Amino acid sequence: MSSATRTAVAPLTTEDAELLVAAVATAAEAAGVTVSVTVLDAGGHLLAFRRDDRAVLISGETSTRKAYTALQLNAPTADLVDAVQPGAPFHTLPTALDRPLLFIAGGLPVHRDGRLIGAVGVGGGAPEQDHAFAAAALQALYARI
């Protein structure tokens, strides 16, 4: 084996996903905001989802699309907002693909040992709030692993 051989990185688990969901819920409740949260694994498959009883219904869709966008582009959706504005490099990306992309803050990729293992998306609050709740969840996960 060459020195370039990568060691296996543990995938995002259901336990990890539940921790992310709980951390988002705690942060959102502390701020008095009702949200939905979606956690996807590295393949884009749903690991966990939670919508607060009073969260707007569309927040479920937006949280999922934010997670998917963060996963596919391996970047926080907050960092991609400017890239899809008219004249920007990704301007046509939201409509060019038949994929559920959403370029609004609130989606974050999840990494372990420098490798992409999934994503978390939050919808229902203001974009900055959604981003902060997702970031709090990642901080909780990274503190544990």
C-alpha atoms as a PDB file:
ATOM      1  CA  MET A   1       0.000   0.000   0.000  1.00  0.00           C
ATOM      2  CA  SER A   2       1.215   3.449  -0.795  1.00  0.00           C
ATOM      3  CA  SER A   3       1.498   6.223   1.749  1.00  0.00           C
ATOM      4  CA  ALA A   4      -1.294   7.978  -0.156  1.00  0.00           C
ATOM      5  CA  THR A   5      -3.768   5.295   0.901  1.00  0.00           C
ATOM      6  CA  ARG A   6      -6.499   6.856   2.962  1.00  0.00           C
ATOM      7  CA  THR A   7      -7.712   5.330   6.157  1.00  0.00           C
ATOM      8  CA  ALA A   8     -11.417   4.836   6.537  1.00  0.00           C
ATOM      9  CA  VAL A   9     -13.345   7.639   8.196  1.00  0.00           C
ATOM     10  CA  ALA A  10     -16.354   6.727  10.285  1.00  0.00           C
ATOM     11  CA  PRO A  11     -19.577   7.770   8.565  1.00  0.00           C
ATOM     12  CA  LEU A  12     -22.152  10.060  10.083  1.00  0.00           C
ATOM     13  CA  THR A  13     -24.253   7.833  12.323  1.00  0.00           C
ATOM     14  CA  THR A  14     -27.835   7.974  13.478  1.00  0.00           C
ATOM     15  CA  GLU A  15     -26.500   8.874  16.917  1.00  0.00           C
ATOM     16  CA  ASP A  16     -24.543  11.784  15.381  1.00  0.00           C
ATOM     17  CA  ALA A  17     -27.643  12.884  13.490  1.00  0.00           C
ATOM     18  CA  GLU A  18     -29.795  12.798  16.619  1.00  0.00           C
ATOM     19  CA  LEU A  19     -27.197  14.893  18.467  1.00  0.00           C
ATOM     20  CA  LEU A  20     -27.244  17.460  15.627  1.00  0.00           C
ATOM     21  CA  VAL A  21     -31.046  17.624  15.672  1.00  0.00           C
ATOM     22  CA  ALA A  22     -31.154  17.997  19.455  1.00  0.00           C
ATOM     23  CA  ALA A  23     -28.500  20.730  19.411  1.00  0.00           C
ATOM     24  CA  VAL A  24     -30.390  22.687  16.736  1.00  0.00           C
ATOM     25  CA  ALA A  25     -33.613  22.321  18.723  1.00  0.00           C
ATOM     26  CA  THR A  26     -31.924  23.561  21.897  1.00  0.00           C
ATOM     27  CA  ALA A  27     -30.371  26.583  20.158  1.00  0.00           C
ATOM     28  CA  ALA A  28     -33.592  27.483  18.338  1.00  0.00           C
ATOM     29  CA  GLU A  29     -35.751  27.108  21.444  1.00  0.00           C
ATOM     30  CA  ALA A  30     -33.349  29.326  23.415  1.00  0.00           C
ATOM     31  CA  ALA A  31     -33.786  31.987  20.735  1.00  0.00           C
ATOM     32  CA  GLY A  32     -37.571  31.546  20.652  1.00  0.00           C
ATOM     33  CA  VAL A  33     -37.530  30.431  17.009  1.00  0.00           C
ATOM     34  CA  THR A  34     -39.401  27.465  15.540  1.00  0.00           C
ATOM     35  CA  VAL A  35     -37.460  25.568  12.884  1.00  0.00           C
ATOM     36  CA  SER A  36     -37.027  22.399  10.914  1.00  0.00           C
ATOM     37  CA  VAL A  37     -33.707  20.557  10.784  1.00  0.00           C
ATOM     38  CA  THR A  38     -32.510  17.972   8.286  1.00  0.00           C
ATOM     39  CA  VAL A  39     -29.415  15.769   8.547  1.00  0.00           C
ATOM     40  CA  LEU A  40     -28.100  13.951   5.467  1.00  0.00           C
ATOM     41  CA  ASP A  41     -25.327  11.374   5.217  1.00  0.00           C
ATOM     42  CA  ALA A  42     -22.472  11.627   2.684  1.00  0.00           C
ATOM     43  CA  GLY A  43     -24.652  10.049  -0.013  1.00  0.00           C
ATOM     44  CA  GLY A  44     -27.411  12.607   0.476  1.00  0.00           C
ATOM     45  CA  HIS A  45     -29.694  10.160   2.259  1.00  0.00           C
ATOM     46  CA  LEU A  46     -31.916  11.359   5.096  1.00  0.00           C
ATOM     47  CA  LEU A  47     -30.603  10.386   8.530  1.00  0.00           C
ATOM     48  CA  ALA A  48     -32.788  12.615  10.686  1.00  0.00           C
ATOM     49  CA  PHE A  49     -35.498  15.247  10.365  1.00  0.00           C
ATOM     50  CA  ARG A  50     -37.436  17.309  12.893  1.00  0.00           C
ATOM     51  CA  ARG A  51     -39.985  20.092  12.411  1.00  0.00           C
ATOM     52  CA  ASP A  52     -41.201  22.086  15.395  1.00  0.00           C
ATOM     53  CA  ASP A  53     -44.975  21.916  15.758  1.00  0.00           C
ATOM     54  CA  ARG A  54     -45.336  25.630  15.062  1.00  0.00           C
ATOM     55  CA  ALA A  55     -42.671  25.948  12.353  1.00  0.00           C
ATOM     56  CA  VAL A  56     -43.898  27.082   8.953  1.00  0.00           C
ATOM     57  CA  LEU A  57     -44.485  24.077   6.743  1.00  0.00           C
ATOM     58  CA  ILE A  58     -42.045  25.195   4.049  1.00  0.00           C
ATOM     59  CA  SER A  59     -39.220  25.110   6.597  1.00  0.00           C
ATOM     60  CA  GLY A  60     -39.070  21.340   6.191  1.00  0.00           C
ATOM     61  CA  GLU A  61     -38.360  21.718   2.492  1.00  0.00           C
ATOM     62  CA  THR A  62     -35.895  24.574   2.966  1.00  0.00           C
ATOM     63  CA  SER A  63     -33.938  22.737   5.667  1.00  0.00           C
ATOM     64  CA  THR A  64     -33.586  19.718   3.388  1.00  0.00           C
ATOM     65  CA  ARG A  65     -32.534  21.772   0.371  1.00  0.00           C
ATOM     66  CA  LYS A  66     -29.997  23.723   2.430  1.00  0.00           C
ATOM     67  CA  ALA A  67     -28.471  20.470   3.725  1.00  0.00           C
ATOM     68  CA  TYR A  68     -28.366  19.028   0.201  1.00  0.00           C
ATOM     69  CA  THR A  69     -26.722  22.170  -1.214  1.00  0.00           C
ATOM     70  CA  ALA A  70     -24.092  22.256   1.551  1.00  0.00           C
ATOM     71  CA  LEU A  71     -23.371  18.572   0.941  1.00  0.00           C
ATOM     72  CA  GLN A  72     -23.120  18.766  -2.852  1.00  0.00           C
ATOM     73  CA  LEU A  73     -20.884  21.838  -2.871  1.00  0.00           C
ATOM     74  CA  ASN A  74     -19.080  20.983   0.394  1.00  0.00           C
ATOM     75  CA  ALA A  75     -19.567  24.542   1.592  1.00  0.00           C
ATOM     76  CA  PRO A  76     -21.788  26.486   3.970  1.00  0.00           C
ATOM     77  CA  THR A  77     -24.787  27.805   2.067  1.00  0.00           C
ATOM     78  CA  ALA A  78     -24.135  31.226   3.646  1.00  0.00           C
ATOM     79  CA  ASP A  79     -20.849  31.315   1.704  1.00  0.00           C
ATOM     80  CA  LEU A  80     -22.616  30.584  -1.598  1.00  0.00           C
ATOM     81  CA  VAL A  81     -25.288  33.309  -1.598  1.00  0.00           C
ATOM     82  CA  ASP A  82     -23.155  35.820  -3.509  1.00  0.00           C
ATOM     83  CA  ALA A  83     -22.025  33.174  -6.035  1.00  0.00           C
ATOM     84  CA  VAL A  84     -25.558  32.815  -7.462  1.00  0.00           C
ATOM     85  CA  GLN A  85     -26.303  36.522  -7.870  1.00  0.00           C
ATOM     86  CA  PRO A  86     -26.631  37.903 -11.440  1.00  0.00           C
ATOM     87  CA  GLY A  87     -23.212  38.007 -13.072  1.00  0.00           C
ATOM     88  CA  ALA A  88     -21.626  35.695 -10.477  1.00  0.00           C
ATOM     89  CA  PRO A  89     -19.988  32.345 -11.389  1.00  0.00           C
ATOM     90  CA  PHE A  90     -22.883  30.124 -10.224  1.00  0.00           C
ATOM     91  CA  HIS A  91     -25.704  32.438 -11.346  1.00  0.00           C
ATOM     92  CA  THR A  92     -27.484  29.750 -13.384  1.00  0.00           C
ATOM     93  CA  LEU A  93     -26.760  26.851 -11.032  1.00  0.00           C
ATOM     94  CA  PRO A  94     -30.031  27.034  -9.058  1.00  0.00           C
ATOM     95  CA  THR A  95     -32.042  26.462 -12.251  1.00  0.00           C
ATOM     96  CA  ALA A  96     -29.514  24.550 -14.393  1.00  0.00           C
ATOM     97  CA  LEU A  97     -29.801  21.284 -12.515  1.00  0.00           C
ATOM     98  CA  ASP A  98     -32.805  19.183 -11.646  1.00  0.00           C
ATOM     99  CA  ARG A  99     -31.689  19.122  -8.010  1.00  0.00           C
ATOM    100  CA  PRO A 100     -33.089  20.638  -4.819  1.00  0.00           C
ATOM    101  CA  LEU A 101     -30.424  23.327  -4.343  1.00  0.00           C
ATOM    102  CA  LEU A 102     -31.099  26.345  -2.143  1.00  0.00           C
ATOM    103  CA  PHE A 103     -28.611  29.177  -1.710  1.00  0.00           C
ATOM    104  CA  ILE A 104     -29.808  30.649   1.588  1.00  0.00           C
ATOM    105  CA  ALA A 105     -27.822  30.546   4.837  1.00  0.00           C
ATOM    106  CA  GLY A 106     -28.602  27.604   7.109  1.00  0.00           C
ATOM    107  CA  GLY A 107     -26.842  24.626   5.494  1.00  0.00           C
ATOM    108  CA  LEU A 108     -23.453  23.344   6.673  1.00  0.00           C
ATOM    109  CA  PRO A 109     -21.336  20.391   5.575  1.00  0.00           C
ATOM    110  CA  VAL A 110     -20.232  17.958   8.290  1.00  0.00           C
ATOM    111  CA  HIS A 111     -16.634  16.738   8.291  1.00  0.00           C
ATOM    112  CA  ARG A 112     -14.762  14.095  10.243  1.00  0.00           C
ATOM    113  CA  ASP A 113     -10.972  13.897  10.043  1.00  0.00           C
ATOM    114  CA  GLY A 114     -11.081  16.347   7.150  1.00  0.00           C
ATOM    115  CA  ARG A 115     -13.524  14.250   5.108  1.00  0.00           C
ATOM    116  CA  LEU A 116     -17.081  15.179   4.139  1.00  0.00           C
ATOM    117  CA  ILE A 117     -19.481  12.806   5.913  1.00  0.00           C
ATOM    118  CA  GLY A 118     -22.814  14.625   5.647  1.00  0.00           C
ATOM    119  CA  ALA A 119     -24.630  17.902   6.092  1.00  0.00           C
ATOM    120  CA  VAL A 120     -27.097  19.659   8.341  1.00  0.00           C
ATOM    121  CA  GLY A 121     -29.706  22.160   7.207  1.00  0.00           C
ATOM    122  CA  VAL A 122     -31.959  24.443   9.234  1.00  0.00           C
ATOM    123  CA  GLY A 123     -34.985  26.378   7.998  1.00  0.00           C
ATOM    124  CA  GLY A 124     -37.662  28.467   9.632  1.00  0.00           C
ATOM    125  CA  GLY A 125     -35.774  31.373  11.165  1.00  0.00           C
ATOM    126  CA  ALA A 126     -34.025  34.279   9.510  1.00  0.00           C
ATOM    127  CA  PRO A 127     -31.116  32.988   7.401  1.00  0.00           C
ATOM    128  CA  GLU A 128     -28.555  34.231   9.920  1.00  0.00           C
ATOM    129  CA  GLN A 129     -30.416  32.452  12.729  1.00  0.00           C
ATOM    130  CA  ASP A 130     -30.631  29.214  10.760  1.00  0.00           C
ATOM    131  CA  HIS A 131     -26.886  29.381  10.099  1.00  0.00           C
ATOM    132  CA  ALA A 132     -26.160  30.038  13.785  1.00  0.00           C
ATOM    133  CA  PHE A 133     -28.340  27.100  14.884  1.00  0.00           C
ATOM    134  CA  ALA A 134     -26.598  24.755  12.418  1.00  0.00           C
ATOM    135  CA  ALA A 135     -23.198  26.035  13.568  1.00  0.00           C
ATOM    136  CA  ALA A 136     -24.137  25.397  17.211  1.00  0.00           C
ATOM    137  CA  ALA A 137     -25.086  21.846  16.275  1.00  0.00           C
ATOM    138  CA  LEU A 138     -21.748  21.252  14.541  1.00  0.00           C
ATOM    139  CA  GLN A 139     -19.926  22.649  17.548  1.00  0.00           C
ATOM    140  CA  ALA A 140     -21.780  20.164  19.774  1.00  0.00           C
ATOM    141  CA  LEU A 141     -20.922  17.283  17.449  1.00  0.00           C
ATOM    142  CA  TYR A 142     -17.264  18.229  17.118  1.00  0.00           C
ATOM    143  CA  ALA A 143     -16.973  18.606  20.897  1.00  0.00           C
ATOM    144  CA  ARG A 144     -18.081  14.994  21.212  1.00  0.00           C
ATOM    145  CA  ILE A 145     -15.946  13.427  18.490  1.00  0.00           C
END
